[in-house]
Amino acid sequence: MAVEVKELLEAGVHFGHLTRKWDPNMAPYVYMERNGIHIINLYKTAAKIEEAGAALAKIAASGRKILFVATKKQAKDIVAEKAGGVNMPYITERWPGGMLTNFVTIRKAVKKMAMIDRMKKDGTFMTLSKKERLQVDRLRAKLEKNLGSISDMTRLPGALFVVDIKREHIAIKEAQKLNIPIFAMVDTNSDPRQVDYVIPANDDASKSIDKILTHVTEALAGGLAERKAEKDAKDSAKEAPKAKKEQAPKAEAAPAKKVVAEEEE
């Protein structure tokens, strides 16, 4: 779906930070200054959304996950809803240090959460003392809060999508260390050189965040649909020869030779 500049304008995507707080590296994306605030060039934003969307769709079509990161108050619920809607992992609470660079340890914590769930199902949980059950419940709640949204992420993500790169600087550094592509909403107070796919936009207003994420997740949904269509086509191709073989008429058995006894004269 093409990105309309008018809808970005209505969502307030163009409002940057105070001019005294700006990062000069954002100059190519600034349209003008108004009342001491930088105004973002929405034509460039629209083009960057489409560029990022195409790249994200390709990653999704390859079967890799995109990890969404946004721990600021106005972005949390939006990210959880939009990322969850396309079955992508997300971090909206505190970023767990080593989430990417020490992924093995994070996976162990996720497995611990699954182990507690199994204990509750098979009755082992009820054999514990009341105090132990309380401790296990608290641990499970803590793990769910911090890692519940990434429980299905069994390997490192194919990309990171970040809202506010200044706030999520630890996540950015970890992704850079592992050469994981970074997609991000970048406001006028941030350095775009840290990001592979820059979407210049207001990263403070919930309407702006919602609008950008709507376009991004729609592109992702397109990539996932493409992957599903390819998988279905392959499955159909595999099933066709089997069905053809089953439908083919069975060859009739050759008639038994009749033995004609000659009458003796």
C-alpha atoms as a PDB file:
ATOM      1  CA  MET A   1       0.000   0.000   0.000  1.00  0.00           C
ATOM      2  CA  ALA A   2       1.434   3.360  -1.038  1.00  0.00           C
ATOM      3  CA  VAL A   3       2.264   5.768   1.783  1.00  0.00           C
ATOM      4  CA  GLU A   4       0.355   9.050   1.567  1.00  0.00           C
ATOM      5  CA  VAL A   5       2.133  12.178   2.806  1.00  0.00           C
ATOM      6  CA  LYS A   6      -1.233  13.610   3.896  1.00  0.00           C
ATOM      7  CA  GLU A   7      -1.888  10.770   6.372  1.00  0.00           C
ATOM      8  CA  LEU A   8       1.619  11.166   7.819  1.00  0.00           C
ATOM      9  CA  LEU A   9       0.947  14.890   8.248  1.00  0.00           C
ATOM     10  CA  GLU A  10      -2.365  14.237  10.028  1.00  0.00           C
ATOM     11  CA  ALA A  11      -0.607  11.822  12.421  1.00  0.00           C
ATOM     12  CA  GLY A  12       2.021  14.453  13.330  1.00  0.00           C
ATOM     13  CA  VAL A  13       4.921  12.405  11.956  1.00  0.00           C
ATOM     14  CA  HIS A  14       6.619  15.641  10.820  1.00  0.00           C
ATOM     15  CA  PHE A  15       7.216  17.151  14.277  1.00  0.00           C
ATOM     16  CA  GLY A  16      10.867  16.879  15.283  1.00  0.00           C
ATOM     17  CA  HIS A  17      12.632  18.081  18.443  1.00  0.00           C
ATOM     18  CA  LEU A  18      13.736  21.550  19.486  1.00  0.00           C
ATOM     19  CA  THR A  19      16.403  22.900  17.153  1.00  0.00           C
ATOM     20  CA  ARG A  20      18.930  23.167  20.000  1.00  0.00           C
ATOM     21  CA  LYS A  21      18.575  19.408  20.644  1.00  0.00           C
ATOM     22  CA  TRP A  22      19.037  18.245  17.079  1.00  0.00           C
ATOM     23  CA  ASP A  23      21.692  15.896  15.696  1.00  0.00           C
ATOM     24  CA  PRO A  24      23.340  17.510  12.615  1.00  0.00           C
ATOM     25  CA  ASN A  25      23.442  14.115  10.894  1.00  0.00           C
ATOM     26  CA  MET A  26      19.663  14.356  10.540  1.00  0.00           C
ATOM     27  CA  ALA A  27      20.041  17.452   8.320  1.00  0.00           C
ATOM     28  CA  PRO A  28      19.176  15.556   5.064  1.00  0.00           C
ATOM     29  CA  TYR A  29      15.761  14.667   6.529  1.00  0.00           C
ATOM     30  CA  VAL A  30      14.861  18.116   7.921  1.00  0.00           C
ATOM     31  CA  TYR A  31      12.511  20.217   5.794  1.00  0.00           C
ATOM     32  CA  MET A  32      12.534  23.470   7.780  1.00  0.00           C
ATOM     33  CA  GLU A  33      12.522  25.092  11.213  1.00  0.00           C
ATOM     34  CA  ARG A  34       9.307  26.444  12.708  1.00  0.00           C
ATOM     35  CA  ASN A  35       8.952  28.108  16.124  1.00  0.00           C
ATOM     36  CA  GLY A  36      12.223  26.601  17.316  1.00  0.00           C
ATOM     37  CA  ILE A  37      11.243  23.073  16.221  1.00  0.00           C
ATOM     38  CA  HIS A  38      12.610  21.090  13.283  1.00  0.00           C
ATOM     39  CA  ILE A  39      10.060  19.864  10.748  1.00  0.00           C
ATOM     40  CA  ILE A  40      10.782  16.496   9.103  1.00  0.00           C
ATOM     41  CA  ASN A  41      10.510  16.158   5.322  1.00  0.00           C
ATOM     42  CA  LEU A  42       7.538  13.796   4.965  1.00  0.00           C
ATOM     43  CA  TYR A  43       8.252  13.011   1.306  1.00  0.00           C
ATOM     44  CA  LYS A  44      11.524  11.466   2.445  1.00  0.00           C
ATOM     45  CA  THR A  45       9.716   9.699   5.302  1.00  0.00           C
ATOM     46  CA  ALA A  46       7.186   8.164   2.884  1.00  0.00           C
ATOM     47  CA  ALA A  47       9.977   6.950   0.585  1.00  0.00           C
ATOM     48  CA  LYS A  48      11.902   5.480   3.535  1.00  0.00           C
ATOM     49  CA  ILE A  49       8.806   3.668   4.863  1.00  0.00           C
ATOM     50  CA  GLU A  50       8.349   1.971   1.490  1.00  0.00           C
ATOM     51  CA  GLU A  51      12.060   1.083   1.277  1.00  0.00           C
ATOM     52  CA  ALA A  52      12.070  -0.363   4.812  1.00  0.00           C
ATOM     53  CA  GLY A  53       8.763  -2.162   4.205  1.00  0.00           C
ATOM     54  CA  ALA A  54      10.108  -3.918   1.104  1.00  0.00           C
ATOM     55  CA  ALA A  55      13.243  -5.063   2.977  1.00  0.00           C
ATOM     56  CA  LEU A  56      11.234  -6.281   5.998  1.00  0.00           C
ATOM     57  CA  ALA A  57       8.790  -8.172   3.753  1.00  0.00           C
ATOM     58  CA  LYS A  58      11.757  -9.971   2.177  1.00  0.00           C
ATOM     59  CA  ILE A  59      13.101 -10.992   5.610  1.00  0.00           C
ATOM     60  CA  ALA A  60       9.645 -12.209   6.701  1.00  0.00           C
ATOM     61  CA  ALA A  61       9.230 -14.156   3.438  1.00  0.00           C
ATOM     62  CA  SER A  62      12.542 -15.926   4.175  1.00  0.00           C
ATOM     63  CA  GLY A  63      11.106 -17.238   7.457  1.00  0.00           C
ATOM     64  CA  ARG A  64      13.190 -15.067   9.807  1.00  0.00           C
ATOM     65  CA  LYS A  65      11.683 -13.136  12.729  1.00  0.00           C
ATOM     66  CA  ILE A  66      11.828  -9.355  13.209  1.00  0.00           C
ATOM     67  CA  LEU A  67      12.256  -8.313  16.845  1.00  0.00           C
ATOM     68  CA  PHE A  68      10.417  -5.077  17.747  1.00  0.00           C
ATOM     69  CA  VAL A  69      11.898  -2.984  20.557  1.00  0.00           C
ATOM     70  CA  ALA A  70      10.077  -0.101  22.274  1.00  0.00           C
ATOM     71  CA  THR A  71      10.165   0.423  26.035  1.00  0.00           C
ATOM     72  CA  LYS A  72       8.851   4.004  26.155  1.00  0.00           C
ATOM     73  CA  LYS A  73       5.373   4.436  27.623  1.00  0.00           C
ATOM     74  CA  GLN A  74       3.638   5.847  24.540  1.00  0.00           C
ATOM     75  CA  ALA A  75       4.944   3.066  22.264  1.00  0.00           C
ATOM     76  CA  LYS A  76       4.553  -0.060  24.457  1.00  0.00           C
ATOM     77  CA  ASP A  77       0.926  -0.957  23.788  1.00  0.00           C
ATOM     78  CA  ILE A  78       1.094  -0.035  20.098  1.00  0.00           C
ATOM     79  CA  VAL A  79       4.142  -2.235  19.496  1.00  0.00           C
ATOM     80  CA  ALA A  80       2.640  -5.145  21.456  1.00  0.00           C
ATOM     81  CA  GLU A  81      -0.562  -4.936  19.392  1.00  0.00           C
ATOM     82  CA  LYS A  82       1.029  -4.430  15.958  1.00  0.00           C
ATOM     83  CA  ALA A  83       3.931  -6.894  16.349  1.00  0.00           C
ATOM     84  CA  GLY A  84       1.687  -9.468  18.018  1.00  0.00           C
ATOM     85  CA  GLY A  85      -0.780  -9.103  15.141  1.00  0.00           C
ATOM     86  CA  VAL A  86       1.800 -10.446  12.677  1.00  0.00           C
ATOM     87  CA  ASN A  87       3.186 -12.999  15.144  1.00  0.00           C
ATOM     88  CA  MET A  88       6.525 -11.218  15.629  1.00  0.00           C
ATOM     89  CA  PRO A  89       8.473 -11.084  18.930  1.00  0.00           C
ATOM     90  CA  TYR A  90       8.749  -7.809  20.824  1.00  0.00           C
ATOM     91  CA  ILE A  91      10.354  -6.252  23.898  1.00  0.00           C
ATOM     92  CA  THR A  92       8.271  -3.570  25.630  1.00  0.00           C
ATOM     93  CA  GLU A  93       9.623  -3.882  29.165  1.00  0.00           C
ATOM     94  CA  ARG A  94      13.258  -3.318  30.175  1.00  0.00           C
ATOM     95  CA  TRP A  95      15.743  -4.578  27.561  1.00  0.00           C
ATOM     96  CA  PRO A  96      17.397  -7.708  29.052  1.00  0.00           C
ATOM     97  CA  GLY A  97      21.163  -7.136  28.838  1.00  0.00           C
ATOM     98  CA  GLY A  98      22.700  -9.735  26.515  1.00  0.00           C
ATOM     99  CA  MET A  99      19.348 -10.401  24.868  1.00  0.00           C
ATOM    100  CA  LEU A 100      21.187 -10.851  21.542  1.00  0.00           C
ATOM    101  CA  THR A 101      24.864 -11.217  22.441  1.00  0.00           C
ATOM    102  CA  ASN A 102      24.104 -13.820  25.134  1.00  0.00           C
ATOM    103  CA  PHE A 103      21.054 -15.373  23.485  1.00  0.00           C
ATOM    104  CA  VAL A 104      21.775 -18.871  24.850  1.00  0.00           C
ATOM    105  CA  THR A 105      21.215 -17.651  28.429  1.00  0.00           C
ATOM    106  CA  ILE A 106      17.992 -15.893  27.440  1.00  0.00           C
ATOM    107  CA  ARG A 107      16.736 -19.119  25.832  1.00  0.00           C
ATOM    108  CA  LYS A 108      17.484 -20.964  29.097  1.00  0.00           C
ATOM    109  CA  ALA A 109      15.241 -18.495  30.945  1.00  0.00           C
ATOM    110  CA  VAL A 110      12.468 -19.047  28.391  1.00  0.00           C
ATOM    111  CA  LYS A 111      12.844 -22.830  28.813  1.00  0.00           C
ATOM    112  CA  LYS A 112      12.573 -22.388  32.584  1.00  0.00           C
ATOM    113  CA  MET A 113       9.227 -20.669  31.993  1.00  0.00           C
ATOM    114  CA  ALA A 114       8.060 -23.622  29.866  1.00  0.00           C
ATOM    115  CA  MET A 115       9.266 -26.044  32.571  1.00  0.00           C
ATOM    116  CA  ILE A 116       7.126 -24.289  35.209  1.00  0.00           C
ATOM    117  CA  ASP A 117       4.116 -24.562  32.873  1.00  0.00           C
ATOM    118  CA  ARG A 118       4.747 -28.312  32.510  1.00  0.00           C
ATOM    119  CA  MET A 119       4.977 -28.662  36.316  1.00  0.00           C
ATOM    120  CA  LYS A 120       1.551 -27.081  36.635  1.00  0.00           C
ATOM    121  CA  LYS A 121       0.090 -29.402  34.007  1.00  0.00           C
ATOM    122  CA  ASP A 122       1.493 -32.688  35.307  1.00  0.00           C
ATOM    123  CA  GLY A 123       0.720 -31.930  38.969  1.00  0.00           C
ATOM    124  CA  THR A 124       4.345 -31.616  40.161  1.00  0.00           C
ATOM    125  CA  PHE A 125       3.661 -27.991  41.138  1.00  0.00           C
ATOM    126  CA  MET A 126       1.106 -29.047  43.778  1.00  0.00           C
ATOM    127  CA  THR A 127       3.674 -31.306  45.506  1.00  0.00           C
ATOM    128  CA  LEU A 128       5.704 -28.210  46.464  1.00  0.00           C
ATOM    129  CA  SER A 129       5.224 -26.390  49.734  1.00  0.00           C
ATOM    130  CA  LYS A 130       3.055 -23.254  49.808  1.00  0.00           C
ATOM    131  CA  LYS A 131       6.151 -21.040  50.102  1.00  0.00           C
ATOM    132  CA  GLU A 132       7.870 -22.770  47.155  1.00  0.00           C
ATOM    133  CA  ARG A 133       4.727 -22.466  45.024  1.00  0.00           C
ATOM    134  CA  LEU A 134       4.618 -18.745  45.767  1.00  0.00           C
ATOM    135  CA  GLN A 135       8.287 -18.331  44.770  1.00  0.00           C
ATOM    136  CA  VAL A 136       7.771 -20.302  41.533  1.00  0.00           C
ATOM    137  CA  ASP A 137       4.677 -18.218  40.681  1.00  0.00           C
ATOM    138  CA  ARG A 138       6.611 -14.989  41.219  1.00  0.00           C
ATOM    139  CA  LEU A 139       9.476 -16.244  39.034  1.00  0.00           C
ATOM    140  CA  ARG A 140       7.003 -17.275  36.307  1.00  0.00           C
ATOM    141  CA  ALA A 141       5.305 -13.853  36.391  1.00  0.00           C
ATOM    142  CA  LYS A 142       8.663 -12.054  36.188  1.00  0.00           C
ATOM    143  CA  LEU A 143       9.812 -14.191  33.245  1.00  0.00           C
ATOM    144  CA  GLU A 144       6.468 -13.714  31.477  1.00  0.00           C
ATOM    145  CA  LYS A 145       6.667  -9.936  31.881  1.00  0.00           C
ATOM    146  CA  ASN A 146      10.202  -9.678  30.497  1.00  0.00           C
ATOM    147  CA  LEU A 147      10.414 -12.583  28.062  1.00  0.00           C
ATOM    148  CA  GLY A 148       6.886 -13.844  27.385  1.00  0.00           C
ATOM    149  CA  SER A 149       6.668 -12.022  24.071  1.00  0.00           C
ATOM    150  CA  ILE A 150       9.836 -13.734  22.755  1.00  0.00           C
ATOM    151  CA  SER A 151       9.035 -17.290  23.883  1.00  0.00           C
ATOM    152  CA  ASP A 152       8.609 -18.420  20.254  1.00  0.00           C
ATOM    153  CA  MET A 153      11.911 -16.875  19.113  1.00  0.00           C
ATOM    154  CA  THR A 154      14.156 -19.953  18.965  1.00  0.00           C
ATOM    155  CA  ARG A 155      17.051 -18.252  17.158  1.00  0.00           C
ATOM    156  CA  LEU A 156      18.487 -14.767  16.703  1.00  0.00           C
ATOM    157  CA  PRO A 157      16.160 -12.428  14.793  1.00  0.00           C
ATOM    158  CA  GLY A 158      16.677 -11.556  11.125  1.00  0.00           C
ATOM    159  CA  ALA A 159      16.314  -7.857  11.965  1.00  0.00           C
ATOM    160  CA  LEU A 160      15.526  -5.362  14.731  1.00  0.00           C
ATOM    161  CA  PHE A 161      12.836  -2.671  14.510  1.00  0.00           C
ATOM    162  CA  VAL A 162      13.393   0.073  17.088  1.00  0.00           C
ATOM    163  CA  VAL A 163      11.305   3.015  18.262  1.00  0.00           C
ATOM    164  CA  ASP A 164      13.645   5.711  19.672  1.00  0.00           C
ATOM    165  CA  ILE A 165      17.254   4.677  19.106  1.00  0.00           C
ATOM    166  CA  LYS A 166      18.578   6.963  21.872  1.00  0.00           C
ATOM    167  CA  ARG A 167      16.501   5.180  24.486  1.00  0.00           C
ATOM    168  CA  GLU A 168      17.222   1.703  23.105  1.00  0.00           C
ATOM    169  CA  HIS A 169      20.969   2.279  22.636  1.00  0.00           C
ATOM    170  CA  ILE A 170      21.914  -1.051  24.316  1.00  0.00           C
ATOM    171  CA  ALA A 171      19.746  -3.007  21.860  1.00  0.00           C
ATOM    172  CA  ILE A 172      21.300  -1.053  18.979  1.00  0.00           C
ATOM    173  CA  LYS A 173      24.857  -1.852  20.150  1.00  0.00           C
ATOM    174  CA  GLU A 174      24.106  -5.575  20.530  1.00  0.00           C
ATOM    175  CA  ALA A 175      22.567  -5.750  17.036  1.00  0.00           C
ATOM    176  CA  GLN A 176      25.554  -3.891  15.557  1.00  0.00           C
ATOM    177  CA  LYS A 177      27.959  -6.316  17.222  1.00  0.00           C
ATOM    178  CA  LEU A 178      26.170  -9.275  15.591  1.00  0.00           C
ATOM    179  CA  ASN A 179      25.600  -7.532  12.218  1.00  0.00           C
ATOM    180  CA  ILE A 180      21.819  -7.784  12.597  1.00  0.00           C
ATOM    181  CA  PRO A 181      20.096  -5.227  10.297  1.00  0.00           C
ATOM    182  CA  ILE A 182      18.496  -2.351  12.229  1.00  0.00           C
ATOM    183  CA  PHE A 183      15.288  -0.642  11.124  1.00  0.00           C
ATOM    184  CA  ALA A 184      14.174   2.331  13.200  1.00  0.00           C
ATOM    185  CA  MET A 185      12.030   5.401  13.624  1.00  0.00           C
ATOM    186  CA  VAL A 186      14.644   8.145  13.971  1.00  0.00           C
ATOM    187  CA  ASP A 187      13.779  11.571  15.378  1.00  0.00           C
ATOM    188  CA  THR A 188      15.771  14.782  14.785  1.00  0.00           C
ATOM    189  CA  ASN A 189      17.680  14.383  18.082  1.00  0.00           C
ATOM    190  CA  SER A 190      19.230  11.029  17.083  1.00  0.00           C
ATOM    191  CA  ASP A 191      22.150   9.896  14.921  1.00  0.00           C
ATOM    192  CA  PRO A 192      20.813   8.036  11.839  1.00  0.00           C
ATOM    193  CA  ARG A 193      24.256   6.566  11.077  1.00  0.00           C
ATOM    194  CA  GLN A 194      23.595   3.854  13.700  1.00  0.00           C
ATOM    195  CA  VAL A 195      20.699   2.476  11.660  1.00  0.00           C
ATOM    196  CA  ASP A 196      20.623   0.494   8.397  1.00  0.00           C
ATOM    197  CA  TYR A 197      17.083   1.539   7.428  1.00  0.00           C
ATOM    198  CA  VAL A 198      16.177   4.996   8.711  1.00  0.00           C
ATOM    199  CA  ILE A 199      12.549   6.133   8.916  1.00  0.00           C
ATOM    200  CA  PRO A 200      12.745   9.848   9.844  1.00  0.00           C
ATOM    201  CA  ALA A 201       9.734  10.428  12.094  1.00  0.00           C
ATOM    202  CA  ASN A 202       8.390  11.777  15.353  1.00  0.00           C
ATOM    203  CA  ASP A 203       9.097   8.940  17.796  1.00  0.00           C
ATOM    204  CA  ASP A 204       7.361  10.566  20.789  1.00  0.00           C
ATOM    205  CA  ALA A 205       3.727  10.910  19.717  1.00  0.00           C
ATOM    206  CA  SER A 206       1.569   7.772  19.896  1.00  0.00           C
ATOM    207  CA  LYS A 207      -0.322   8.712  16.694  1.00  0.00           C
ATOM    208  CA  SER A 208       2.934   8.966  14.765  1.00  0.00           C
ATOM    209  CA  ILE A 209       4.236   5.645  16.166  1.00  0.00           C
ATOM    210  CA  ASP A 210       0.922   3.956  15.352  1.00  0.00           C
ATOM    211  CA  LYS A 211       0.928   5.241  11.769  1.00  0.00           C
ATOM    212  CA  ILE A 212       4.504   4.108  11.027  1.00  0.00           C
ATOM    213  CA  LEU A 213       4.006   0.697  12.638  1.00  0.00           C
ATOM    214  CA  THR A 214       0.762   0.163  10.740  1.00  0.00           C
ATOM    215  CA  HIS A 215       2.611   0.543   7.430  1.00  0.00           C
ATOM    216  CA  VAL A 216       5.553  -1.560   8.608  1.00  0.00           C
ATOM    217  CA  THR A 217       3.421  -4.472   9.857  1.00  0.00           C
ATOM    218  CA  GLU A 218       1.272  -4.393   6.697  1.00  0.00           C
ATOM    219  CA  ALA A 219       4.459  -4.871   4.666  1.00  0.00           C
ATOM    220  CA  LEU A 220       5.451  -7.725   6.988  1.00  0.00           C
ATOM    221  CA  ALA A 221       2.040  -9.350   6.587  1.00  0.00           C
ATOM    222  CA  GLY A 222       2.558  -9.214   2.816  1.00  0.00           C
ATOM    223  CA  GLY A 223       5.902 -11.012   3.167  1.00  0.00           C
ATOM    224  CA  LEU A 224       4.358 -13.686   5.399  1.00  0.00           C
ATOM    225  CA  ALA A 225       1.476 -14.194   2.938  1.00  0.00           C
ATOM    226  CA  GLU A 226       4.005 -14.605   0.110  1.00  0.00           C
ATOM    227  CA  ARG A 227       5.875 -17.242   2.157  1.00  0.00           C
ATOM    228  CA  LYS A 228       2.628 -19.111   2.870  1.00  0.00           C
ATOM    229  CA  ALA A 229       1.622 -19.026  -0.813  1.00  0.00           C
ATOM    230  CA  GLU A 230       5.010 -20.455  -1.855  1.00  0.00           C
ATOM    231  CA  LYS A 231       4.763 -23.185   0.794  1.00  0.00           C
ATOM    232  CA  ASP A 232       1.226 -24.089  -0.310  1.00  0.00           C
ATOM    233  CA  ALA A 233       2.343 -24.207  -3.953  1.00  0.00           C
ATOM    234  CA  LYS A 234       5.220 -26.572  -3.052  1.00  0.00           C
ATOM    235  CA  ASP A 235       2.915 -28.796  -1.017  1.00  0.00           C
ATOM    236  CA  SER A 236       0.431 -28.925  -3.908  1.00  0.00           C
ATOM    237  CA  ALA A 237       3.217 -29.824  -6.319  1.00  0.00           C
ATOM    238  CA  LYS A 238       4.269 -32.700  -4.040  1.00  0.00           C
ATOM    239  CA  GLU A 239       0.703 -33.960  -3.607  1.00  0.00           C
ATOM    240  CA  ALA A 240      -0.204 -33.828  -7.340  1.00  0.00           C
ATOM    241  CA  PRO A 241       1.847 -36.909  -8.446  1.00  0.00           C
ATOM    242  CA  LYS A 242       0.469 -38.926  -5.503  1.00  0.00           C
ATOM    243  CA  ALA A 243      -3.121 -38.009  -6.325  1.00  0.00           C
ATOM    244  CA  LYS A 244      -2.561 -38.772 -10.012  1.00  0.00           C
ATOM    245  CA  LYS A 245      -1.154 -42.187  -9.136  1.00  0.00           C
ATOM    246  CA  GLU A 246      -4.107 -42.992  -6.878  1.00  0.00           C
ATOM    247  CA  GLN A 247      -6.659 -41.905  -9.490  1.00  0.00           C
ATOM    248  CA  ALA A 248      -5.102 -43.913 -12.350  1.00  0.00           C
ATOM    249  CA  PRO A 249      -7.273 -46.978 -13.294  1.00  0.00           C
ATOM    250  CA  LYS A 250      -5.776 -50.287 -12.269  1.00  0.00           C
ATOM    251  CA  ALA A 251      -4.657 -52.434 -15.164  1.00  0.00           C
ATOM    252  CA  GLU A 252      -7.003 -55.334 -15.743  1.00  0.00           C
ATOM    253  CA  ALA A 253      -5.619 -58.757 -14.972  1.00  0.00           C
ATOM    254  CA  ALA A 254      -4.875 -60.859 -18.071  1.00  0.00           C
ATOM    255  CA  PRO A 255      -7.677 -63.414 -18.639  1.00  0.00           C
ATOM    256  CA  ALA A 256      -6.742 -66.950 -17.638  1.00  0.00           C
ATOM    257  CA  LYS A 257      -6.139 -69.252 -20.564  1.00  0.00           C
ATOM    258  CA  LYS A 258      -8.984 -71.579 -21.110  1.00  0.00           C
ATOM    259  CA  VAL A 259      -7.894 -75.116 -21.441  1.00  0.00           C
ATOM    260  CA  VAL A 260     -10.080 -76.820 -23.969  1.00  0.00           C
ATOM    261  CA  ALA A 261     -10.128 -80.560 -23.611  1.00  0.00           C
ATOM    262  CA  GLU A 262     -10.217 -82.283 -26.931  1.00  0.00           C
ATOM    263  CA  GLU A 263     -12.853 -84.906 -27.236  1.00  0.00           C
ATOM    264  CA  GLU A 264     -11.479 -88.295 -27.996  1.00  0.00           C
ATOM    265  CA  GLU A 265     -13.098 -89.904 -30.896  1.00  0.00           C
END
